[in-house]
């Protein structure tokens, strides 16, 4: 499956890749600088639909804040999406609050 990239803040983004299997396994890379260092690498699937960041991670510019959550949402059949909820702090753009931002979608 093709990966899908989502800009999150000025200095961070995520790239999510679905496996294409019936388990809907999807791995997400949270990166800063953009498309560079991976700070969190959660995987969600039917059996583990939610992953929560256990502690703050990041660099001098971007902090992925403890409690950042990714959730797999089945939409029926093989259709699903992965959403992001929580906070990311970026020294350039301030604190960003996400509430169900779709960072991956499979139809």
PDB file of N, CA and C in Angstrom:
ATOM      1  N   UNK A   1       0.845  -1.168   0.000  1.00  0.00           N
ATOM      2  CA  UNK A   1       0.000   0.000   0.000  1.00  0.00           C
ATOM      3  C   UNK A   1       0.897   1.240   0.000  1.00  0.00           C
ATOM      4  N   UNK A   2       0.434   2.272  -0.643  1.00  0.00           N
ATOM      5  CA  UNK A   2       1.180   3.525  -0.682  1.00  0.00           C
ATOM      6  C   UNK A   2       1.147   4.198   0.674  1.00  0.00           C
ATOM      7  N   UNK A   3       2.264   4.836   1.029  1.00  0.00           N
ATOM      8  CA  UNK A   3       2.279   5.573   2.285  1.00  0.00           C
ATOM      9  C   UNK A   3       1.614   6.931   2.082  1.00  0.00           C
ATOM     10  N   UNK A   4       1.100   7.474   3.164  1.00  0.00           N
ATOM     11  CA  UNK A   4       0.436   8.776   3.132  1.00  0.00           C
ATOM     12  C   UNK A   4       1.120   9.678   4.143  1.00  0.00           C
ATOM     13  N   UNK A   5       1.532  10.863   3.674  1.00  0.00           N
ATOM     14  CA  UNK A   5       2.249  11.824   4.509  1.00  0.00           C
ATOM     15  C   UNK A   5       1.324  12.969   4.881  1.00  0.00           C
ATOM     16  N   UNK A   6       1.362  13.361   6.157  1.00  0.00           N
ATOM     17  CA  UNK A   6       0.536  14.453   6.665  1.00  0.00           C
ATOM     18  C   UNK A   6       1.418  15.475   7.363  1.00  0.00           C
ATOM     19  N   UNK A   7       1.419  16.747   6.898  1.00  0.00           N
ATOM     20  CA  UNK A   7       2.116  17.787   7.647  1.00  0.00           C
ATOM     21  C   UNK A   7       1.383  18.013   8.976  1.00  0.00           C
ATOM     22  N   UNK A   8       2.117  18.114  10.076  1.00  0.00           N
ATOM     23  CA  UNK A   8       1.502  18.306  11.388  1.00  0.00           C
ATOM     24  C   UNK A   8       1.777  19.700  11.937  1.00  0.00           C
ATOM     25  N   UNK A   9       3.045  20.089  11.963  1.00  0.00           N
ATOM     26  CA  UNK A   9       3.437  21.439  12.353  1.00  0.00           C
ATOM     27  C   UNK A   9       4.472  21.909  11.334  1.00  0.00           C
ATOM     28  N   UNK A  10       4.992  23.103  11.522  1.00  0.00           N
ATOM     29  CA  UNK A  10       6.004  23.625  10.595  1.00  0.00           C
ATOM     30  C   UNK A  10       7.180  22.662  10.473  1.00  0.00           C
ATOM     31  N   UNK A  11       7.580  22.059  11.587  1.00  0.00           N
ATOM     32  CA  UNK A  11       8.780  21.224  11.612  1.00  0.00           C
ATOM     33  C   UNK A  11       8.518  19.745  11.861  1.00  0.00           C
ATOM     34  N   UNK A  12       7.285  19.284  11.664  1.00  0.00           N
ATOM     35  CA  UNK A  12       7.005  17.858  11.887  1.00  0.00           C
ATOM     36  C   UNK A  12       5.952  17.353  10.915  1.00  0.00           C
ATOM     37  N   UNK A  13       5.976  16.037  10.712  1.00  0.00           N
ATOM     38  CA  UNK A  13       4.960  15.393   9.899  1.00  0.00           C
ATOM     39  C   UNK A  13       4.839  13.926  10.312  1.00  0.00           C
ATOM     40  N   UNK A  14       3.851  13.269   9.719  1.00  0.00           N
ATOM     41  CA  UNK A  14       3.711  11.828   9.911  1.00  0.00           C
ATOM     42  C   UNK A  14       3.627  11.171   8.547  1.00  0.00           C
ATOM     43  N   UNK A  15       4.113   9.944   8.495  1.00  0.00           N
ATOM     44  CA  UNK A  15       3.966   9.116   7.300  1.00  0.00           C
ATOM     45  C   UNK A  15       3.391   7.787   7.757  1.00  0.00           C
ATOM     46  N   UNK A  16       2.255   7.408   7.195  1.00  0.00           N
ATOM     47  CA  UNK A  16       1.587   6.169   7.591  1.00  0.00           C
ATOM     48  C   UNK A  16       1.572   5.199   6.410  1.00  0.00           C
ATOM     49  N   UNK A  17       1.791   3.921   6.711  1.00  0.00           N
ATOM     50  CA  UNK A  17       1.812   2.882   5.690  1.00  0.00           C
ATOM     51  C   UNK A  17       0.940   1.717   6.135  1.00  0.00           C
ATOM     52  N   UNK A  18      -0.055   1.395   5.327  1.00  0.00           N
ATOM     53  CA  UNK A  18      -0.910   0.252   5.596  1.00  0.00           C
ATOM     54  C   UNK A  18      -0.336  -1.002   4.975  1.00  0.00           C
ATOM     55  N   UNK A  19      -0.569  -2.139   5.612  1.00  0.00           N
ATOM     56  CA  UNK A  19      -0.022  -3.411   5.130  1.00  0.00           C
ATOM     57  C   UNK A  19      -0.862  -4.015   4.013  1.00  0.00           C
ATOM     58  N   UNK A  20      -2.147  -3.619   3.950  1.00  0.00           N
ATOM     59  CA  UNK A  20      -3.031  -4.202   2.947  1.00  0.00           C
ATOM     60  C   UNK A  20      -3.611  -5.540   3.356  1.00  0.00           C
ATOM     61  N   UNK A  21      -3.311  -6.008   4.569  1.00  0.00           N
ATOM     62  CA  UNK A  21      -3.835  -7.300   5.012  1.00  0.00           C
ATOM     63  C   UNK A  21      -5.207  -7.133   5.686  1.00  0.00           C
ATOM     64  N   UNK A  22      -5.837  -8.229   6.001  1.00  0.00           N
ATOM     65  CA  UNK A  22      -7.175  -8.187   6.596  1.00  0.00           C
ATOM     66  C   UNK A  22      -7.157  -7.673   8.029  1.00  0.00           C
ATOM     67  N   UNK A  23      -5.976  -7.633   8.641  1.00  0.00           N
ATOM     68  CA  UNK A  23      -5.838  -7.120  10.003  1.00  0.00           C
ATOM     69  C   UNK A  23      -5.766  -5.591  10.016  1.00  0.00           C
ATOM     70  N   UNK A  24      -5.656  -4.973   8.846  1.00  0.00           N
ATOM     71  CA  UNK A  24      -5.583  -3.516   8.691  1.00  0.00           C
ATOM     72  C   UNK A  24      -4.377  -2.907   9.399  1.00  0.00           C
ATOM     73  N   UNK A  25      -3.314  -3.684   9.543  1.00  0.00           N
ATOM     74  CA  UNK A  25      -2.121  -3.194  10.236  1.00  0.00           C
ATOM     75  C   UNK A  25      -1.556  -1.968   9.531  1.00  0.00           C
ATOM     76  N   UNK A  26      -1.290  -0.927  10.316  1.00  0.00           N
ATOM     77  CA  UNK A  26      -0.775   0.327   9.783  1.00  0.00           C
ATOM     78  C   UNK A  26       0.294   0.860  10.717  1.00  0.00           C
ATOM     79  N   UNK A  27       1.442   1.207  10.140  1.00  0.00           N
ATOM     80  CA  UNK A  27       2.548   1.760  10.917  1.00  0.00           C
ATOM     81  C   UNK A  27       2.661   3.254  10.616  1.00  0.00           C
ATOM     82  N   UNK A  28       2.872   4.049  11.657  1.00  0.00           N
ATOM     83  CA  UNK A  28       2.958   5.500  11.503  1.00  0.00           C
ATOM     84  C   UNK A  28       4.297   5.976  12.033  1.00  0.00           C
ATOM     85  N   UNK A  29       4.953   6.850  11.253  1.00  0.00           N
ATOM     86  CA  UNK A  29       6.212   7.460  11.673  1.00  0.00           C
ATOM     87  C   UNK A  29       5.954   8.930  11.969  1.00  0.00           C
ATOM     88  N   UNK A  30       6.280   9.360  13.187  1.00  0.00           N
ATOM     89  CA  UNK A  30       6.176  10.771  13.554  1.00  0.00           C
ATOM     90  C   UNK A  30       7.588  11.346  13.516  1.00  0.00           C
ATOM     91  N   UNK A  31       7.799  12.340  12.645  1.00  0.00           N
ATOM     92  CA  UNK A  31       9.144  12.798  12.353  1.00  0.00           C
ATOM     93  C   UNK A  31       9.346  14.293  12.570  1.00  0.00           C
ATOM     94  N   UNK A  32      10.549  14.629  13.004  1.00  0.00           N
ATOM     95  CA  UNK A  32      11.027  16.003  13.062  1.00  0.00           C
ATOM     96  C   UNK A  32      12.549  15.935  13.071  1.00  0.00           C
ATOM     97  N   UNK A  33      13.218  16.689  12.176  1.00  0.00           N
ATOM     98  CA  UNK A  33      12.683  17.504  11.096  1.00  0.00           C
ATOM     99  C   UNK A  33      11.813  16.684  10.136  1.00  0.00           C
ATOM    100  N   UNK A  34      11.061  17.410   9.314  1.00  0.00           N
ATOM    101  CA  UNK A  34      10.146  16.779   8.361  1.00  0.00           C
ATOM    102  C   UNK A  34      10.890  15.719   7.545  1.00  0.00           C
ATOM    103  N   UNK A  35      10.300  14.520   7.455  1.00  0.00           N
ATOM    104  CA  UNK A  35      10.844  13.387   6.691  1.00  0.00           C
ATOM    105  C   UNK A  35      12.257  12.996   7.104  1.00  0.00           C
ATOM    106  N   UNK A  36      12.575  13.177   8.390  1.00  0.00           N
ATOM    107  CA  UNK A  36      13.933  12.888   8.839  1.00  0.00           C
ATOM    108  C   UNK A  36      13.918  11.943  10.040  1.00  0.00           C
ATOM    109  N   UNK A  37      14.190  12.445  11.231  1.00  0.00           N
ATOM    110  CA  UNK A  37      14.305  11.610  12.425  1.00  0.00           C
ATOM    111  C   UNK A  37      12.928  11.147  12.904  1.00  0.00           C
ATOM    112  N   UNK A  38      12.798   9.837  13.100  1.00  0.00           N
ATOM    113  CA  UNK A  38      11.546   9.265  13.607  1.00  0.00           C
ATOM    114  C   UNK A  38      11.599   9.272  15.132  1.00  0.00           C
ATOM    115  N   UNK A  39      10.599   9.933  15.758  1.00  0.00           N
ATOM    116  CA  UNK A  39      10.543  10.036  17.217  1.00  0.00           C
ATOM    117  C   UNK A  39       9.539   9.073  17.836  1.00  0.00           C
ATOM    118  N   UNK A  40       8.555   8.664  17.070  1.00  0.00           N
ATOM    119  CA  UNK A  40       7.570   7.696  17.574  1.00  0.00           C
ATOM    120  C   UNK A  40       7.129   6.853  16.398  1.00  0.00           C
ATOM    121  N   UNK A  41       7.046   5.534  16.603  1.00  0.00           N
ATOM    122  CA  UNK A  41       6.737   4.592  15.533  1.00  0.00           C
ATOM    123  C   UNK A  41       5.652   3.604  15.983  1.00  0.00           C
ATOM    124  N   UNK A  42       4.419   4.091  16.194  1.00  0.00           N
ATOM    125  CA  UNK A  42       3.347   3.190  16.624  1.00  0.00           C
ATOM    126  C   UNK A  42       2.793   2.370  15.452  1.00  0.00           C
ATOM    127  N   UNK A  43       2.237   1.224  15.787  1.00  0.00           N
ATOM    128  CA  UNK A  43       1.527   0.390  14.822  1.00  0.00           C
ATOM    129  C   UNK A  43       0.140   0.104  15.392  1.00  0.00           C
ATOM    130  N   UNK A  44      -0.887   0.303  14.565  1.00  0.00           N
ATOM    131  CA  UNK A  44      -2.252  -0.040  14.958  1.00  0.00           C
ATOM    132  C   UNK A  44      -2.770  -1.124  14.029  1.00  0.00           C
ATOM    133  N   UNK A  45      -3.747  -1.882  14.504  1.00  0.00           N
ATOM    134  CA  UNK A  45      -4.352  -2.963  13.724  1.00  0.00           C
ATOM    135  C   UNK A  45      -5.673  -3.320  14.389  1.00  0.00           C
ATOM    136  N   UNK A  46      -6.413  -4.233  13.786  1.00  0.00           N
ATOM    137  CA  UNK A  46      -7.696  -4.638  14.363  1.00  0.00           C
ATOM    138  C   UNK A  46      -7.569  -5.058  15.820  1.00  0.00           C
ATOM    139  N   UNK A  47      -6.541  -5.808  16.164  1.00  0.00           N
ATOM    140  CA  UNK A  47      -6.376  -6.302  17.526  1.00  0.00           C
ATOM    141  C   UNK A  47      -5.804  -5.281  18.492  1.00  0.00           C
ATOM    142  N   UNK A  48      -5.239  -4.212  17.984  1.00  0.00           N
ATOM    143  CA  UNK A  48      -4.623  -3.164  18.817  1.00  0.00           C
ATOM    144  C   UNK A  48      -4.914  -1.836  18.110  1.00  0.00           C
ATOM    145  N   UNK A  49      -6.151  -1.359  18.280  1.00  0.00           N
ATOM    146  CA  UNK A  49      -6.610  -0.216  17.491  1.00  0.00           C
ATOM    147  C   UNK A  49      -6.159   1.141  18.013  1.00  0.00           C
ATOM    148  N   UNK A  50      -5.612   1.187  19.222  1.00  0.00           N
ATOM    149  CA  UNK A  50      -5.189   2.457  19.803  1.00  0.00           C
ATOM    150  C   UNK A  50      -3.774   2.347  20.347  1.00  0.00           C
ATOM    151  N   UNK A  51      -2.964   3.365  20.070  1.00  0.00           N
ATOM    152  CA  UNK A  51      -1.624   3.472  20.647  1.00  0.00           C
ATOM    153  C   UNK A  51      -1.480   4.865  21.242  1.00  0.00           C
ATOM    154  N   UNK A  52      -0.904   4.930  22.446  1.00  0.00           N
ATOM    155  CA  UNK A  52      -0.749   6.194  23.163  1.00  0.00           C
ATOM    156  C   UNK A  52       0.733   6.416  23.458  1.00  0.00           C
ATOM    157  N   UNK A  53       1.224   7.615  23.142  1.00  0.00           N
ATOM    158  CA  UNK A  53       2.616   7.963  23.413  1.00  0.00           C
ATOM    159  C   UNK A  53       2.834   8.030  24.926  1.00  0.00           C
ATOM    160  N   UNK A  54       3.754   7.206  25.485  1.00  0.00           N
ATOM    161  CA  UNK A  54       3.891   7.105  26.930  1.00  0.00           C
ATOM    162  C   UNK A  54       4.660   8.251  27.594  1.00  0.00           C
ATOM    163  N   UNK A  55       5.422   9.008  26.809  1.00  0.00           N
ATOM    164  CA  UNK A  55       6.215  10.104  27.373  1.00  0.00           C
ATOM    165  C   UNK A  55       6.527  11.113  26.285  1.00  0.00           C
ATOM    166  N   UNK A  56       6.866  12.337  26.679  1.00  0.00           N
ATOM    167  CA  UNK A  56       7.273  13.340  25.705  1.00  0.00           C
ATOM    168  C   UNK A  56       8.514  12.851  24.965  1.00  0.00           C
ATOM    169  N   UNK A  57       8.526  13.056  23.642  1.00  0.00           N
ATOM    170  CA  UNK A  57       9.705  12.750  22.829  1.00  0.00           C
ATOM    171  C   UNK A  57       9.885  13.861  21.812  1.00  0.00           C
ATOM    172  N   UNK A  58      11.107  14.018  21.337  1.00  0.00           N
ATOM    173  CA  UNK A  58      11.360  15.021  20.315  1.00  0.00           C
ATOM    174  C   UNK A  58      12.760  15.574  20.398  1.00  0.00           C
ATOM    175  N   UNK A  59      12.899  16.785  19.838  1.00  0.00           N
ATOM    176  CA  UNK A  59      14.199  17.440  19.792  1.00  0.00           C
ATOM    177  C   UNK A  59      14.058  18.868  20.312  1.00  0.00           C
ATOM    178  N   UNK A  60      15.041  19.717  20.074  1.00  0.00           N
ATOM    179  CA  UNK A  60      14.990  21.098  20.569  1.00  0.00           C
ATOM    180  C   UNK A  60      13.881  21.912  19.923  1.00  0.00           C
ATOM    181  N   UNK A  61      13.388  21.469  18.793  1.00  0.00           N
ATOM    182  CA  UNK A  61      12.389  22.238  18.048  1.00  0.00           C
ATOM    183  C   UNK A  61      10.977  21.709  18.236  1.00  0.00           C
ATOM    184  N   UNK A  62      10.811  20.390  18.215  1.00  0.00           N
ATOM    185  CA  UNK A  62       9.478  19.776  18.267  1.00  0.00           C
ATOM    186  C   UNK A  62       9.393  18.774  19.407  1.00  0.00           C
ATOM    187  N   UNK A  63       8.283  18.855  20.156  1.00  0.00           N
ATOM    188  CA  UNK A  63       7.992  17.869  21.190  1.00  0.00           C
ATOM    189  C   UNK A  63       6.652  17.210  20.875  1.00  0.00           C
ATOM    190  N   UNK A  64       6.683  15.893  20.718  1.00  0.00           N
ATOM    191  CA  UNK A  64       5.466  15.108  20.613  1.00  0.00           C
ATOM    192  C   UNK A  64       5.072  14.819  22.065  1.00  0.00           C
ATOM    193  N   UNK A  65       3.936  15.348  22.482  1.00  0.00           N
ATOM    194  CA  UNK A  65       3.568  15.389  23.895  1.00  0.00           C
ATOM    195  C   UNK A  65       2.945  14.068  24.360  1.00  0.00           C
ATOM    196  N   UNK A  66       3.368  13.638  25.557  1.00  0.00           N
ATOM    197  CA  UNK A  66       2.811  12.437  26.203  1.00  0.00           C
ATOM    198  C   UNK A  66       1.290  12.446  26.073  1.00  0.00           C
ATOM    199  N   UNK A  67       0.736  11.297  25.707  1.00  0.00           N
ATOM    200  CA  UNK A  67      -0.713  11.182  25.546  1.00  0.00           C
ATOM    201  C   UNK A  67      -1.175  11.307  24.105  1.00  0.00           C
ATOM    202  N   UNK A  68      -0.264  11.711  23.207  1.00  0.00           N
ATOM    203  CA  UNK A  68      -0.611  11.748  21.779  1.00  0.00           C
ATOM    204  C   UNK A  68      -1.129  10.361  21.394  1.00  0.00           C
ATOM    205  N   UNK A  69      -2.258  10.311  20.711  1.00  0.00           N
ATOM    206  CA  UNK A  69      -2.938   9.035  20.477  1.00  0.00           C
ATOM    207  C   UNK A  69      -3.261   8.838  19.006  1.00  0.00           C
ATOM    208  N   UNK A  70      -2.983   7.634  18.507  1.00  0.00           N
ATOM    209  CA  UNK A  70      -3.437   7.245  17.176  1.00  0.00           C
ATOM    210  C   UNK A  70      -4.477   6.145  17.349  1.00  0.00           C
ATOM    211  N   UNK A  71      -5.509   6.200  16.505  1.00  0.00           N
ATOM    212  CA  UNK A  71      -6.611   5.256  16.630  1.00  0.00           C
ATOM    213  C   UNK A  71      -7.044   4.778  15.250  1.00  0.00           C
ATOM    214  N   UNK A  72      -7.172   3.459  15.106  1.00  0.00           N
ATOM    215  CA  UNK A  72      -7.684   2.869  13.876  1.00  0.00           C
ATOM    216  C   UNK A  72      -9.203   2.802  13.971  1.00  0.00           C
ATOM    217  N   UNK A  73      -9.871   3.311  12.951  1.00  0.00           N
ATOM    218  CA  UNK A  73     -11.335   3.327  12.918  1.00  0.00           C
ATOM    219  C   UNK A  73     -11.818   2.565  11.699  1.00  0.00           C
ATOM    220  N   UNK A  74     -12.447   1.424  11.907  1.00  0.00           N
ATOM    221  CA  UNK A  74     -12.983   0.633  10.797  1.00  0.00           C
ATOM    222  C   UNK A  74     -14.209   1.335  10.228  1.00  0.00           C
ATOM    223  N   UNK A  75     -14.264   1.413   8.906  1.00  0.00           N
ATOM    224  CA  UNK A  75     -15.381   2.058   8.221  1.00  0.00           C
ATOM    225  C   UNK A  75     -16.235   1.049   7.465  1.00  0.00           C
ATOM    226  N   UNK A  76     -15.970  -0.245   7.682  1.00  0.00           N
ATOM    227  CA  UNK A  76     -16.718  -1.306   7.013  1.00  0.00           C
ATOM    228  C   UNK A  76     -15.916  -1.922   5.886  1.00  0.00           C
ATOM    229  N   UNK A  77     -15.952  -3.231   5.793  1.00  0.00           N
ATOM    230  CA  UNK A  77     -15.168  -3.936   4.776  1.00  0.00           C
ATOM    231  C   UNK A  77     -13.694  -3.702   5.016  1.00  0.00           C
ATOM    232  N   UNK A  78     -12.972  -3.331   3.950  1.00  0.00           N
ATOM    233  CA  UNK A  78     -11.546  -3.049   4.088  1.00  0.00           C
ATOM    234  C   UNK A  78     -11.279  -1.554   4.235  1.00  0.00           C
ATOM    235  N   UNK A  79     -12.337  -0.752   4.329  1.00  0.00           N
ATOM    236  CA  UNK A  79     -12.177   0.696   4.481  1.00  0.00           C
ATOM    237  C   UNK A  79     -11.937   1.055   5.948  1.00  0.00           C
ATOM    238  N   UNK A  80     -10.968   1.933   6.176  1.00  0.00           N
ATOM    239  CA  UNK A  80     -10.683   2.403   7.526  1.00  0.00           C
ATOM    240  C   UNK A  80      -9.860   3.676   7.449  1.00  0.00           C
ATOM    241  N   UNK A  81      -9.748   4.342   8.594  1.00  0.00           N
ATOM    242  CA  UNK A  81      -8.816   5.445   8.684  1.00  0.00           C
ATOM    243  C   UNK A  81      -8.087   5.376  10.015  1.00  0.00           C
ATOM    244  N   UNK A  82      -7.021   6.155  10.104  1.00  0.00           N
ATOM    245  CA  UNK A  82      -6.265   6.286  11.344  1.00  0.00           C
ATOM    246  C   UNK A  82      -6.288   7.765  11.706  1.00  0.00           C
ATOM    247  N   UNK A  83      -6.666   8.047  12.951  1.00  0.00           N
ATOM    248  CA  UNK A  83      -6.774   9.433  13.389  1.00  0.00           C
ATOM    249  C   UNK A  83      -5.743   9.751  14.475  1.00  0.00           C
ATOM    250  N   UNK A  84      -5.474  11.051  14.608  1.00  0.00           N
ATOM    251  CA  UNK A  84      -4.520  11.555  15.593  1.00  0.00           C
ATOM    252  C   UNK A  84      -5.231  12.519  16.532  1.00  0.00           C
ATOM    253  N   UNK A  85      -5.021  12.321  17.832  1.00  0.00           N
ATOM    254  CA  UNK A  85      -5.562  13.213  18.852  1.00  0.00           C
ATOM    255  C   UNK A  85      -4.448  13.511  19.849  1.00  0.00           C
ATOM    256  N   UNK A  86      -4.333  14.764  20.254  1.00  0.00           N
ATOM    257  CA  UNK A  86      -3.340  15.144  21.242  1.00  0.00           C
ATOM    258  C   UNK A  86      -2.606  16.408  20.848  1.00  0.00           C
ATOM    259  N   UNK A  87      -1.408  16.602  21.450  1.00  0.00           N
ATOM    260  CA  UNK A  87      -0.671  17.846  21.284  1.00  0.00           C
ATOM    261  C   UNK A  87       0.738  17.628  20.746  1.00  0.00           C
ATOM    262  N   UNK A  88       1.162  18.585  19.928  1.00  0.00           N
ATOM    263  CA  UNK A  88       2.547  18.660  19.469  1.00  0.00           C
ATOM    264  C   UNK A  88       2.982  20.108  19.667  1.00  0.00           C
ATOM    265  N   UNK A  89       4.144  20.292  20.319  1.00  0.00           N
ATOM    266  CA  UNK A  89       4.694  21.636  20.492  1.00  0.00           C
ATOM    267  C   UNK A  89       5.824  21.849  19.499  1.00  0.00           C
ATOM    268  N   UNK A  90       5.771  22.974  18.798  1.00  0.00           N
ATOM    269  CA  UNK A  90       6.768  23.339  17.798  1.00  0.00           C
ATOM    270  C   UNK A  90       7.224  24.758  18.115  1.00  0.00           C
ATOM    271  N   UNK A  91       8.531  24.951  18.307  1.00  0.00           N
ATOM    272  CA  UNK A  91       9.042  26.283  18.666  1.00  0.00           C
ATOM    273  C   UNK A  91       8.704  27.330  17.605  1.00  0.00           C
ATOM    274  N   UNK A  92       8.508  26.905  16.361  1.00  0.00           N
ATOM    275  CA  UNK A  92       8.205  27.848  15.285  1.00  0.00           C
ATOM    276  C   UNK A  92       6.714  28.182  15.208  1.00  0.00           C
ATOM    277  N   UNK A  93       5.854  27.231  15.493  1.00  0.00           N
ATOM    278  CA  UNK A  93       4.414  27.455  15.300  1.00  0.00           C
ATOM    279  C   UNK A  93       3.587  27.323  16.577  1.00  0.00           C
ATOM    280  N   UNK A  94       4.239  27.098  17.721  1.00  0.00           N
ATOM    281  CA  UNK A  94       3.510  26.991  18.979  1.00  0.00           C
ATOM    282  C   UNK A  94       2.931  25.606  19.198  1.00  0.00           C
ATOM    283  N   UNK A  95       1.918  25.523  20.071  1.00  0.00           N
ATOM    284  CA  UNK A  95       1.297  24.241  20.393  1.00  0.00           C
ATOM    285  C   UNK A  95       0.137  23.967  19.454  1.00  0.00           C
ATOM    286  N   UNK A  96       0.127  22.788  18.869  1.00  0.00           N
ATOM    287  CA  UNK A  96      -0.971  22.363  18.000  1.00  0.00           C
ATOM    288  C   UNK A  96      -1.757  21.283  18.713  1.00  0.00           C
ATOM    289  N   UNK A  97      -3.071  21.456  18.746  1.00  0.00           N
ATOM    290  CA  UNK A  97      -3.970  20.475  19.354  1.00  0.00           C
ATOM    291  C   UNK A  97      -4.735  19.768  18.248  1.00  0.00           C
ATOM    292  N   UNK A  98      -4.690  18.455  18.251  1.00  0.00           N
ATOM    293  CA  UNK A  98      -5.373  17.652  17.241  1.00  0.00           C
ATOM    294  C   UNK A  98      -6.505  16.884  17.899  1.00  0.00           C
ATOM    295  N   UNK A  99      -7.625  16.785  17.199  1.00  0.00           N
ATOM    296  CA  UNK A  99      -8.773  16.055  17.720  1.00  0.00           C
ATOM    297  C   UNK A  99      -9.403  15.258  16.584  1.00  0.00           C
ATOM    298  N   UNK A 100      -8.845  14.079  16.327  1.00  0.00           N
ATOM    299  CA  UNK A 100      -9.402  13.225  15.288  1.00  0.00           C
ATOM    300  C   UNK A 100      -8.927  13.560  13.887  1.00  0.00           C
ATOM    301  N   UNK A 101      -7.719  14.145  13.766  1.00  0.00           N
ATOM    302  CA  UNK A 101      -7.168  14.437  12.441  1.00  0.00           C
ATOM    303  C   UNK A 101      -6.883  13.126  11.715  1.00  0.00           C
ATOM    304  N   UNK A 102      -7.409  12.966  10.503  1.00  0.00           N
ATOM    305  CA  UNK A 102      -7.161  11.765   9.714  1.00  0.00           C
ATOM    306  C   UNK A 102      -5.750  11.834   9.145  1.00  0.00           C
ATOM    307  N   UNK A 103      -4.900  10.867   9.530  1.00  0.00           N
ATOM    308  CA  UNK A 103      -3.535  10.827   9.033  1.00  0.00           C
ATOM    309  C   UNK A 103      -3.303   9.642   8.085  1.00  0.00           C
ATOM    310  N   UNK A 104      -4.303   8.784   7.933  1.00  0.00           N
ATOM    311  CA  UNK A 104      -4.247   7.689   6.956  1.00  0.00           C
ATOM    312  C   UNK A 104      -5.655   7.273   6.628  1.00  0.00           C
ATOM    313  N   UNK A 105      -5.890   6.993   5.351  1.00  0.00           N
ATOM    314  CA  UNK A 105      -7.230   6.555   4.950  1.00  0.00           C
ATOM    315  C   UNK A 105      -7.110   5.504   3.862  1.00  0.00           C
ATOM    316  N   UNK A 106      -7.856   4.413   4.048  1.00  0.00           N
ATOM    317  CA  UNK A 106      -7.923   3.338   3.059  1.00  0.00           C
ATOM    318  C   UNK A 106      -9.396   3.129   2.710  1.00  0.00           C
ATOM    319  N   UNK A 107      -9.698   3.216   1.424  1.00  0.00           N
ATOM    320  CA  UNK A 107     -11.093   3.045   1.003  1.00  0.00           C
ATOM    321  C   UNK A 107     -11.348   1.688   0.396  1.00  0.00           C
TER     322      UNK A 107
END
